[in-house]
Protein backbone atom coordinates (compact mmCIF):
# COMPACT_ATOMS: atom_id res chain seq x y z
CA MET A 1 89.56 116.95 133.38
CA PRO A 2 92.32 118.10 130.96
CA ARG A 3 92.00 118.15 127.16
CA SER A 4 94.32 115.16 126.98
CA ASP A 5 91.56 112.99 128.46
CA PHE A 6 89.68 113.16 125.18
CA ARG A 7 90.38 111.69 121.78
CA PHE A 8 87.23 113.11 120.20
CA PHE A 9 86.47 116.83 119.80
CA HIS A 10 83.71 118.74 118.08
CA ARG A 11 84.40 122.43 117.33
CA LEU A 12 81.79 125.18 117.31
CA ARG A 13 81.49 128.96 117.51
CA VAL A 14 79.06 130.65 119.88
CA ARG A 15 76.36 132.55 118.00
CA TRP A 16 74.49 135.69 119.06
CA ALA A 17 71.21 133.75 119.31
CA GLU A 18 72.75 131.61 122.07
CA VAL A 19 73.70 134.42 124.48
CA ASP A 20 71.92 136.82 126.83
CA MET A 21 72.27 140.60 127.18
CA GLN A 22 75.63 140.10 128.90
CA LYS A 23 76.83 138.10 125.87
CA ILE A 24 77.09 134.98 128.05
CA VAL A 25 75.74 131.66 126.80
CA PHE A 26 72.35 130.65 128.22
CA ASN A 27 72.85 127.61 130.47
CA ALA A 28 70.42 125.43 128.52
CA HIS A 29 72.56 125.72 125.37
CA TYR A 30 75.43 123.76 126.91
CA LEU A 31 73.42 120.54 126.75
CA MET A 32 72.68 121.34 123.11
CA TYR A 33 76.43 121.67 122.50
CA PHE A 34 77.08 118.24 123.99
CA ASP A 35 74.17 116.72 122.06
CA THR A 36 75.50 118.17 118.80
CA ALA A 37 78.94 116.78 119.60
CA MET A 38 77.42 113.36 120.24
CA ALA A 39 76.07 113.29 116.68
CA ASP A 40 79.61 113.85 115.43
CA TYR A 41 80.96 111.19 117.80
CA TRP A 42 78.84 108.61 115.96
CA ARG A 43 80.32 109.84 112.68
CA ALA A 44 83.78 109.36 114.15
CA LEU A 45 82.79 105.74 114.81
CA ALA A 46 81.91 105.45 111.08
CA LEU A 47 78.31 104.69 112.02
CA PRO A 48 75.40 106.26 110.14
CA TYR A 49 73.28 106.50 113.28
CA GLU A 50 69.82 105.54 112.02
CA GLU A 51 71.01 102.67 109.86
CA ALA A 52 73.41 101.41 112.52
CA MET A 53 70.79 101.34 115.25
CA HIS A 54 68.37 99.54 112.96
CA ALA A 55 71.02 96.93 112.19
CA MET A 56 71.66 96.38 115.90
CA GLY A 57 67.96 96.15 116.72
CA GLY A 58 67.77 99.00 119.21
CA ASP A 59 68.17 102.71 119.85
CA LEU A 60 69.75 104.97 122.46
CA TYR A 61 67.80 107.05 124.95
CA VAL A 62 69.14 109.61 127.41
CA ARG A 63 68.63 108.43 130.99
CA LYS A 64 70.58 111.09 132.80
CA ALA A 65 72.36 114.36 131.94
CA THR A 66 74.24 116.44 134.50
CA VAL A 67 76.19 119.61 133.83
CA GLU A 68 78.71 121.37 136.06
CA PHE A 69 79.63 124.98 135.30
CA ASN A 70 83.12 126.34 135.91
CA ALA A 71 83.06 129.44 133.70
CA SER A 72 80.90 130.98 131.00
CA ALA A 73 81.33 130.91 127.24
CA ARG A 74 80.74 134.17 125.41
CA VAL A 75 79.59 135.22 122.00
CA ASP A 76 82.07 134.43 119.20
CA ASP A 77 84.10 132.09 121.40
CA VAL A 78 85.47 129.08 119.53
CA LEU A 79 84.79 126.05 121.70
CA ASP A 80 85.94 122.44 121.58
CA VAL A 81 83.54 119.84 122.97
CA GLY A 82 85.29 116.67 124.05
CA LEU A 83 83.46 113.38 124.56
CA LYS A 84 84.69 110.07 125.92
CA CYS A 85 82.92 106.77 126.48
CA VAL A 86 84.06 105.72 129.95
CA ARG A 87 81.88 102.74 130.80
CA VAL A 88 79.48 100.29 129.15
CA GLY A 89 77.16 98.39 131.45
CA ASN A 90 74.60 95.76 130.56
CA SER A 91 72.29 98.24 128.82
CA SER A 92 73.73 101.63 129.83
CA ILE A 93 76.56 103.66 128.33
CA LEU A 94 78.30 106.44 130.27
CA PHE A 95 79.96 109.40 128.54
CA HIS A 96 82.00 112.18 130.07
CA GLY A 97 82.15 115.51 128.30
CA GLY A 98 84.27 118.61 128.60
CA LEU A 99 83.76 121.97 126.92
CA PHE A 100 86.96 123.93 126.39
CA ARG A 101 87.95 127.42 125.30
CA GLY A 102 91.52 126.74 124.34
CA ASP A 103 92.89 124.79 127.32
CA GLU A 104 90.40 126.35 129.75
CA LEU A 105 87.73 123.92 130.95
CA LEU A 106 84.42 125.78 131.05
CA VAL A 107 81.81 123.04 131.54
CA THR A 108 81.80 119.32 132.33
CA CYS A 109 79.00 116.92 131.55
CA GLU A 110 77.96 113.37 132.40
CA LEU A 111 75.60 111.62 129.98
CA VAL A 112 74.02 108.23 130.57
CA TYR A 113 72.34 106.51 127.63
CA VAL A 114 70.30 103.31 127.66
CA PHE A 115 70.22 100.92 124.71
CA ALA A 116 66.60 99.87 124.33
CA ASP A 117 63.91 98.45 122.09
CA PRO A 118 62.67 101.38 119.99
CA ALA A 119 59.07 100.15 120.09
CA THR A 120 58.75 99.61 123.84
CA GLN A 121 61.83 101.47 125.15
CA THR A 122 62.57 98.36 127.21
CA PRO A 123 66.34 98.12 127.97
CA LEU A 124 68.35 95.64 125.90
CA PRO A 125 71.93 94.38 126.32
CA VAL A 126 74.41 96.58 124.49
CA PRO A 127 75.53 94.56 121.43
CA GLN A 128 79.06 93.19 121.66
CA VAL A 129 80.05 94.84 118.39
CA LEU A 130 79.17 98.24 119.86
CA ARG A 131 81.04 97.49 123.08
CA ASP A 132 84.14 96.56 121.11
CA LEU A 133 83.78 99.62 118.92
CA PHE A 134 83.76 102.00 121.90
CA THR A 135 86.80 100.29 123.40
CA ASP A 136 88.78 100.24 120.16
CA TYR A 137 87.94 103.82 119.16
CA GLU A 138 88.91 105.24 122.55
CA ALA A 139 92.17 103.24 122.34
CA GLY A 140 92.96 104.85 118.98
CA ALA A 141 92.21 101.86 116.76
CA ASN A 142 90.89 102.15 113.22
CA VAL A 143 87.11 101.82 113.01
CA ARG A 144 86.84 101.05 109.29
CA GLU A 145 88.53 98.82 106.76
CA VAL A 146 89.13 99.40 103.06
CA GLU A 147 89.17 96.52 100.60
CA THR A 148 90.21 96.62 96.95
CA GLY A 149 89.16 94.15 94.32
CA ASP A 150 87.27 93.56 91.11
CA TRP A 151 83.60 94.13 90.31
CA ALA A 152 82.72 90.48 90.82
CA THR A 153 83.99 90.71 94.40
CA LEU A 154 82.95 94.25 95.40
CA GLY A 155 80.30 95.22 92.88
CA GLU A 156 77.32 94.64 95.14
CA ALA A 157 78.73 96.77 97.95
CA ALA A 158 80.12 99.48 95.67
CA GLY A 159 76.96 99.60 93.60
CA ALA A 160 74.75 100.07 96.65
CA ILE A 161 76.54 103.20 97.90
CA ARG A 162 76.83 104.60 94.37
CA ARG A 163 73.09 104.16 93.84
CA THR A 164 72.36 105.95 97.11
CA VAL A 165 74.70 108.88 96.41
CA PHE A 166 74.54 109.40 92.66
CA ILE A 167 71.10 108.16 91.63
CA ASP A 168 68.99 108.81 94.71
CA GLU A 169 70.75 111.86 96.18
CA GLN A 170 72.19 113.63 93.14
CA ARG A 171 69.49 112.41 90.73
CA ILE A 172 71.87 111.26 88.04
CA PRO A 173 69.94 109.11 85.53
CA GLU A 174 70.43 105.44 86.30
CA HIS A 175 71.47 104.52 82.77
CA MET A 176 74.39 106.97 83.07
CA GLU A 177 75.72 105.52 86.32
CA TRP A 178 76.54 102.00 85.16
CA ASP A 179 79.02 101.39 82.35
CA GLU A 180 81.29 98.72 80.88
CA ASP A 181 84.32 100.17 82.71
CA ASP A 182 83.17 98.65 86.01
CA ALA A 183 84.22 95.23 84.74
CA THR A 184 87.83 96.31 84.15
CA CYS A 185 88.36 98.67 87.11
CA VAL A 186 89.98 98.17 90.48
CA HIS A 187 87.29 99.03 93.03
CA ALA A 188 87.75 100.13 96.64
CA VAL A 189 85.10 99.80 99.33
CA ALA A 190 85.23 101.13 102.89
CA ARG A 191 83.15 99.35 105.54
CA ASN A 192 82.46 100.10 109.18
CA ARG A 193 82.55 97.61 112.05
CA LEU A 194 78.97 96.53 111.27
CA GLY A 195 80.02 95.60 107.73
CA GLN A 196 78.03 98.50 106.27
CA THR A 197 79.47 100.09 103.12
CA ILE A 198 80.29 103.73 103.81
CA ALA A 199 82.44 104.78 100.83
CA THR A 200 83.66 103.61 97.44
CA GLY A 201 85.65 104.57 94.35
CA ARG A 202 87.20 102.96 91.30
CA LEU A 203 90.50 103.01 89.40
CA LEU A 204 90.36 102.67 85.62
CA PRO A 205 93.09 100.98 83.56
CA ALA A 206 96.06 103.24 82.95
CA LYS A 207 96.96 104.81 79.62
CA GLU A 208 100.68 105.49 79.21
CA GLY A 209 101.21 105.52 82.97
CA ARG A 210 98.31 107.85 83.63
CA ALA A 211 95.44 106.39 85.64
CA ARG A 212 91.97 107.79 86.27
CA ILE A 213 89.99 107.58 89.49
CA GLY A 214 86.24 107.99 89.48
CA ARG A 215 82.87 107.18 91.04
CA MET A 216 84.04 108.44 94.44
CA ALA A 217 81.08 108.28 96.81
CA VAL A 218 80.74 108.60 100.61
CA HIS A 219 77.65 108.00 102.74
CA ARG A 220 75.84 111.31 103.18
CA THR A 221 75.95 111.37 106.98
CA LEU A 222 79.64 110.38 107.20
CA ARG A 223 81.27 112.94 104.92
CA GLY A 224 84.21 114.73 106.47
CA GLY A 225 85.18 111.68 108.49
CA GLY A 226 88.19 110.67 106.39
CA HIS A 227 86.45 107.75 104.69
CA GLY A 228 86.69 109.20 101.20
CA ALA A 229 90.37 109.95 101.77
CA ALA A 230 90.96 106.35 102.85
CA VAL A 231 89.35 105.04 99.66
CA LEU A 232 91.33 107.49 97.54
CA ARG A 233 94.63 106.46 99.12
CA ALA A 234 93.81 102.77 98.60
CA LEU A 235 93.21 103.41 94.89
CA GLU A 236 96.42 105.45 94.64
CA ASP A 237 98.31 102.55 96.24
CA ALA A 238 96.82 100.19 93.65
CA ALA A 239 97.88 102.55 90.86
CA ARG A 240 101.37 102.90 92.28
CA ALA A 241 101.73 99.13 92.68
CA ARG A 242 101.08 98.55 88.98
CA GLY A 243 103.58 101.25 87.98
CA ASP A 244 101.32 104.22 87.20
CA ARG A 245 103.04 107.59 87.44
CA GLU A 246 100.05 109.91 87.77
CA VAL A 247 96.35 109.82 88.65
CA VAL A 248 93.69 112.15 87.34
CA LEU A 249 90.03 112.60 88.21
CA SER A 250 87.06 114.74 87.33
CA ALA A 251 86.07 116.24 90.67
CA GLN A 252 82.72 117.77 91.38
CA CYS A 253 83.52 121.41 92.06
CA SER A 254 81.93 121.14 95.48
CA ALA A 255 84.64 118.59 96.37
CA GLU A 256 87.60 120.50 94.89
CA ARG A 257 88.95 121.56 98.29
CA PHE A 258 88.73 117.97 99.55
CA TYR A 259 90.98 116.74 96.72
CA ALA A 260 93.28 119.76 97.00
CA ARG A 261 93.98 118.90 100.65
CA LEU A 262 95.06 115.44 99.46
CA GLY A 263 97.59 116.81 96.98
CA TYR A 264 95.52 117.17 93.81
CA VAL A 265 95.97 120.17 91.53
CA ALA A 266 93.18 121.59 89.40
CA SER A 267 93.66 122.33 85.70
CA GLY A 268 91.42 123.94 83.10
CA GLU A 269 87.97 125.38 83.59
CA PRO A 270 84.86 123.83 85.18
CA PHE A 271 82.72 121.74 82.85
CA GLU A 272 79.64 119.53 82.84
CA GLU A 273 80.49 115.87 82.45
CA ASP A 274 78.34 113.86 80.03
CA GLY A 275 75.64 116.50 80.11
CA ILE A 276 75.03 116.12 83.85
CA PRO A 277 74.28 119.59 85.30
CA ILE A 278 76.86 119.24 88.09
CA PRO A 279 80.03 121.35 87.59
CA HIS A 280 83.25 119.31 87.49
CA ILE A 281 86.91 120.23 87.26
CA GLU A 282 89.88 118.12 86.14
CA MET A 283 92.49 117.45 88.85
CA HIS A 284 95.69 115.44 88.93
CA ARG A 285 98.39 114.20 91.31
CA THR A 286 101.81 112.76 90.63
CA LEU A 287 102.47 109.46 92.39
């Protein structure tokens, strides 16, 4: 089972609490490593697990888990956990897993899940949308789509994720979230294969070739999955198409490194925007 068998990897570092006196990982922790990787696999599918399962009318339960040990991981090792969906039956889903230290295969795993009614745990047929999603993801296909448009077209979807992130999560007063600019902006919305909104952002009208991007929001459980970057690039494309030369944004300081990786440069000192006690910093990128 070489590394090349896997498209998906989750990286972790072995901690002292996970090893014995010989500094070798306790056997039981390997299943925890695969379980942790599985949570990230769902993020890679652009599925917020709880909401996605609710939408599909079921949940997943482990039916079988087998582990084969080839060599031991040690404290401070950096490990890559690979997962691959290899078969979908009527109600069962089979995953193969491999735990690697570099190119060395330490542990293999076979996990069998059953899709079932959460109330009775009675097996149900795996929904076709989930079957297709496994197939397409493992084949390297995109698992989300980004749409741009006006507020009349995308306002309901964009507004829902903004409410969840800014009002509910960050506790920004509701009257400060909605403004007259929404009506004149280009909005971008990212959706997963279930049609659920997972990210959004908006592009304000340009002033002398300088456009502003704002209201960037990504579903809490899916951050780090590239969805925010996809929305940002879609808005940059819209700005470029109308002839804008530069885009600017007020980034929350906690997201500064995210924007820096995408080519944005910070300028000035951190500030509080509109009296909201969340530090921001101005950033810009030439198109």
